[in-house]
Amino acid sequence: MKAIIHTDNAPAAIGAYSQAVRAGDTVYMSGQIPLDPATMTVVGNGDFRAEAHQVFKNLQAVAQAAGGTLDDIVKINAYLTDLKHFSVFNEVMAEYFNQPYPARAAIGVAALPKGVQVEAEAVLVLNDY
């Protein structure tokens, strides 16, 4: 059984997908790009740090809609169009998460939707160990 997660506090899906899907205690969060949910426009005017902050704000909104927080995330996949921004991505991520940090992959890609520089998807688990 699965439940679809949706919030107006994160960008609406711009394709054939849901913001997140919950299956049992696991929430699979779709990739978030740096769109302002109110305007559906890219934030930052090319500033990678601003884009990264918006990605984490969007992930946070979806996590909250699912009944969790960013600290419930167990795995993040990050996609960067230029790996020279990897250290900035780490700095921004550390502002949103408490230790111990989730597992993560960071992958360099040729392009992302709407010409953004960063996207991140996550898996969240909503149970106590």
C-alpha atoms as a PDB file:
ATOM      1  CA  MET A   1       0.000   0.000   0.000  1.00  0.00           C
ATOM      2  CA  LYS A   2       1.303   3.435  -0.852  1.00  0.00           C
ATOM      3  CA  ALA A   3       0.322   6.981   0.020  1.00  0.00           C
ATOM      4  CA  ILE A   4       1.059  10.009  -2.103  1.00  0.00           C
ATOM      5  CA  ILE A   5       2.634  12.943  -0.249  1.00  0.00           C
ATOM      6  CA  HIS A   6       1.899  16.473  -1.442  1.00  0.00           C
ATOM      7  CA  THR A   7       2.432  19.954  -0.052  1.00  0.00           C
ATOM      8  CA  ASP A   8       1.932  23.418  -1.479  1.00  0.00           C
ATOM      9  CA  ASN A   9       5.085  24.436   0.460  1.00  0.00           C
ATOM     10  CA  ALA A  10       7.268  22.709  -2.137  1.00  0.00           C
ATOM     11  CA  PRO A  11       7.179  23.060  -5.917  1.00  0.00           C
ATOM     12  CA  ALA A  12       4.422  21.206  -7.703  1.00  0.00           C
ATOM     13  CA  ALA A  13       5.555  18.293  -9.844  1.00  0.00           C
ATOM     14  CA  ILE A  14       6.534  19.444 -13.337  1.00  0.00           C
ATOM     15  CA  GLY A  15       6.110  16.002 -14.854  1.00  0.00           C
ATOM     16  CA  ALA A  16       4.490  12.623 -14.361  1.00  0.00           C
ATOM     17  CA  TYR A  17       5.571  12.090 -10.737  1.00  0.00           C
ATOM     18  CA  SER A  18       4.589  12.840  -7.141  1.00  0.00           C
ATOM     19  CA  GLN A  19       6.556  14.964  -4.684  1.00  0.00           C
ATOM     20  CA  ALA A  20       6.912  11.839  -2.548  1.00  0.00           C
ATOM     21  CA  VAL A  21       5.434   8.401  -2.030  1.00  0.00           C
ATOM     22  CA  ARG A  22       5.165   6.665   1.340  1.00  0.00           C
ATOM     23  CA  ALA A  23       5.321   2.869   1.443  1.00  0.00           C
ATOM     24  CA  GLY A  24       5.111   1.607   5.030  1.00  0.00           C
ATOM     25  CA  ASP A  25       7.544   3.670   7.113  1.00  0.00           C
ATOM     26  CA  THR A  26       9.645   4.649   4.099  1.00  0.00           C
ATOM     27  CA  VAL A  27       9.138   7.846   2.116  1.00  0.00           C
ATOM     28  CA  TYR A  28      10.721   8.150  -1.317  1.00  0.00           C
ATOM     29  CA  MET A  29      11.154  11.839  -2.045  1.00  0.00           C
ATOM     30  CA  SER A  30      11.373  12.969  -5.671  1.00  0.00           C
ATOM     31  CA  GLY A  31      14.212  15.168  -6.795  1.00  0.00           C
ATOM     32  CA  GLN A  32      13.865  18.796  -5.798  1.00  0.00           C
ATOM     33  CA  ILE A  33      15.335  21.599  -7.846  1.00  0.00           C
ATOM     34  CA  PRO A  34      15.665  25.210  -6.653  1.00  0.00           C
ATOM     35  CA  LEU A  35      12.171  26.382  -7.547  1.00  0.00           C
ATOM     36  CA  ASP A  36      10.276  28.823  -5.364  1.00  0.00           C
ATOM     37  CA  PRO A  37       7.034  26.944  -4.653  1.00  0.00           C
ATOM     38  CA  ALA A  38       4.936  30.124  -4.768  1.00  0.00           C
ATOM     39  CA  THR A  39       6.134  31.281  -8.186  1.00  0.00           C
ATOM     40  CA  MET A  40       7.581  28.079  -9.679  1.00  0.00           C
ATOM     41  CA  THR A  41      10.604  30.094 -10.807  1.00  0.00           C
ATOM     42  CA  VAL A  42      14.259  29.247 -10.281  1.00  0.00           C
ATOM     43  CA  VAL A  43      15.837  31.125  -7.365  1.00  0.00           C
ATOM     44  CA  GLY A  44      19.336  32.538  -7.061  1.00  0.00           C
ATOM     45  CA  ASN A  45      20.039  34.120 -10.449  1.00  0.00           C
ATOM     46  CA  GLY A  46      22.878  31.647 -10.996  1.00  0.00           C
ATOM     47  CA  ASP A  47      24.134  31.696  -7.374  1.00  0.00           C
ATOM     48  CA  PHE A  48      24.860  28.043  -6.559  1.00  0.00           C
ATOM     49  CA  ARG A  49      24.612  28.565  -2.769  1.00  0.00           C
ATOM     50  CA  ALA A  50      21.145  30.119  -3.107  1.00  0.00           C
ATOM     51  CA  GLU A  51      20.056  27.239  -5.330  1.00  0.00           C
ATOM     52  CA  ALA A  52      21.318  24.663  -2.826  1.00  0.00           C
ATOM     53  CA  HIS A  53      19.485  26.379   0.041  1.00  0.00           C
ATOM     54  CA  GLN A  54      16.219  26.276  -1.906  1.00  0.00           C
ATOM     55  CA  VAL A  55      16.681  22.587  -2.679  1.00  0.00           C
ATOM     56  CA  PHE A  56      16.969  21.822   1.040  1.00  0.00           C
ATOM     57  CA  LYS A  57      14.012  24.069   1.903  1.00  0.00           C
ATOM     58  CA  ASN A  58      11.940  22.143  -0.639  1.00  0.00           C
ATOM     59  CA  LEU A  59      13.082  18.777   0.719  1.00  0.00           C
ATOM     60  CA  GLN A  60      12.275  20.000   4.241  1.00  0.00           C
ATOM     61  CA  ALA A  61       8.730  20.956   3.199  1.00  0.00           C
ATOM     62  CA  VAL A  62       8.112  17.538   1.646  1.00  0.00           C
ATOM     63  CA  ALA A  63       9.587  15.763   4.697  1.00  0.00           C
ATOM     64  CA  GLN A  64       7.252  17.740   6.968  1.00  0.00           C
ATOM     65  CA  ALA A  65       4.266  16.920   4.760  1.00  0.00           C
ATOM     66  CA  ALA A  66       5.170  13.248   5.175  1.00  0.00           C
ATOM     67  CA  GLY A  67       5.218  13.630   8.968  1.00  0.00           C
ATOM     68  CA  GLY A  68       8.983  13.760   9.374  1.00  0.00           C
ATOM     69  CA  THR A  69      11.970  16.082   9.360  1.00  0.00           C
ATOM     70  CA  LEU A  70      15.221  16.255   7.471  1.00  0.00           C
ATOM     71  CA  ASP A  71      16.812  14.299  10.314  1.00  0.00           C
ATOM     72  CA  ASP A  72      14.642  11.319   9.314  1.00  0.00           C
ATOM     73  CA  ILE A  73      16.379  11.179   5.925  1.00  0.00           C
ATOM     74  CA  VAL A  74      18.618   8.129   5.618  1.00  0.00           C
ATOM     75  CA  LYS A  75      19.900   8.648   2.051  1.00  0.00           C
ATOM     76  CA  ILE A  76      20.360  11.598  -0.291  1.00  0.00           C
ATOM     77  CA  ASN A  77      21.333  11.557  -3.944  1.00  0.00           C
ATOM     78  CA  ALA A  78      22.624  14.919  -5.115  1.00  0.00           C
ATOM     79  CA  TYR A  79      23.145  15.911  -8.725  1.00  0.00           C
ATOM     80  CA  LEU A  80      25.437  18.837  -9.581  1.00  0.00           C
ATOM     81  CA  THR A  81      26.127  20.194 -13.048  1.00  0.00           C
ATOM     82  CA  ASP A  82      29.617  21.221 -11.903  1.00  0.00           C
ATOM     83  CA  LEU A  83      31.432  19.323  -9.162  1.00  0.00           C
ATOM     84  CA  LYS A  84      33.484  22.424  -8.365  1.00  0.00           C
ATOM     85  CA  HIS A  85      30.457  23.349  -6.201  1.00  0.00           C
ATOM     86  CA  PHE A  86      30.780  20.168  -4.126  1.00  0.00           C
ATOM     87  CA  SER A  87      32.303  21.965  -1.099  1.00  0.00           C
ATOM     88  CA  VAL A  88      29.565  24.620  -1.126  1.00  0.00           C
ATOM     89  CA  PHE A  89      26.939  21.873  -1.333  1.00  0.00           C
ATOM     90  CA  ASN A  90      28.513  20.252   1.751  1.00  0.00           C
ATOM     91  CA  GLU A  91      28.466  23.556   3.643  1.00  0.00           C
ATOM     92  CA  VAL A  92      24.821  24.210   2.843  1.00  0.00           C
ATOM     93  CA  MET A  93      23.776  20.644   3.631  1.00  0.00           C
ATOM     94  CA  ALA A  94      25.455  20.878   7.055  1.00  0.00           C
ATOM     95  CA  GLU A  95      23.197  23.853   7.863  1.00  0.00           C
ATOM     96  CA  TYR A  96      20.075  21.690   7.441  1.00  0.00           C
ATOM     97  CA  PHE A  97      21.104  18.395   9.052  1.00  0.00           C
ATOM     98  CA  ASN A  98      22.274  17.293  12.464  1.00  0.00           C
ATOM     99  CA  GLN A  99      24.915  14.611  12.911  1.00  0.00           C
ATOM    100  CA  PRO A 100      24.972  11.787  12.197  1.00  0.00           C
ATOM    101  CA  TYR A 101      24.407  12.800   8.599  1.00  0.00           C
ATOM    102  CA  PRO A 102      22.509  10.596   6.149  1.00  0.00           C
ATOM    103  CA  ALA A 103      24.265   8.457   3.583  1.00  0.00           C
ATOM    104  CA  ARG A 104      24.802  10.386   0.359  1.00  0.00           C
ATOM    105  CA  ALA A 105      25.934  10.191  -3.227  1.00  0.00           C
ATOM    106  CA  ALA A 106      26.964  13.278  -5.205  1.00  0.00           C
ATOM    107  CA  ILE A 107      26.951  12.853  -8.941  1.00  0.00           C
ATOM    108  CA  GLY A 108      28.124  15.200 -11.684  1.00  0.00           C
ATOM    109  CA  VAL A 109      25.603  15.499 -14.504  1.00  0.00           C
ATOM    110  CA  ALA A 110      25.576  17.307 -17.836  1.00  0.00           C
ATOM    111  CA  ALA A 111      22.305  19.166 -17.285  1.00  0.00           C
ATOM    112  CA  LEU A 112      19.262  19.442 -15.024  1.00  0.00           C
ATOM    113  CA  PRO A 113      15.682  20.632 -15.615  1.00  0.00           C
ATOM    114  CA  LYS A 114      15.178  24.371 -16.130  1.00  0.00           C
ATOM    115  CA  GLY A 115      18.942  24.902 -16.359  1.00  0.00           C
ATOM    116  CA  VAL A 116      19.491  24.641 -12.593  1.00  0.00           C
ATOM    117  CA  GLN A 117      22.833  23.645 -11.091  1.00  0.00           C
ATOM    118  CA  VAL A 118      21.662  21.257  -8.370  1.00  0.00           C
ATOM    119  CA  GLU A 119      18.966  18.709  -7.609  1.00  0.00           C
ATOM    120  CA  ALA A 120      18.578  16.345  -4.663  1.00  0.00           C
ATOM    121  CA  GLU A 121      16.314  13.404  -3.911  1.00  0.00           C
ATOM    122  CA  ALA A 122      16.041  11.536  -0.638  1.00  0.00           C
ATOM    123  CA  VAL A 123      14.730   8.512   1.222  1.00  0.00           C
ATOM    124  CA  LEU A 124      13.180   9.167   4.631  1.00  0.00           C
ATOM    125  CA  VAL A 125      12.258   6.589   7.288  1.00  0.00           C
ATOM    126  CA  LEU A 126       9.530   7.457   9.767  1.00  0.00           C
ATOM    127  CA  ASN A 127      10.148   4.999  12.576  1.00  0.00           C
ATOM    128  CA  ASP A 128      12.208   5.005  15.739  1.00  0.00           C
ATOM    129  CA  TYR A 129      14.982   2.454  15.992  1.00  0.00           C
END
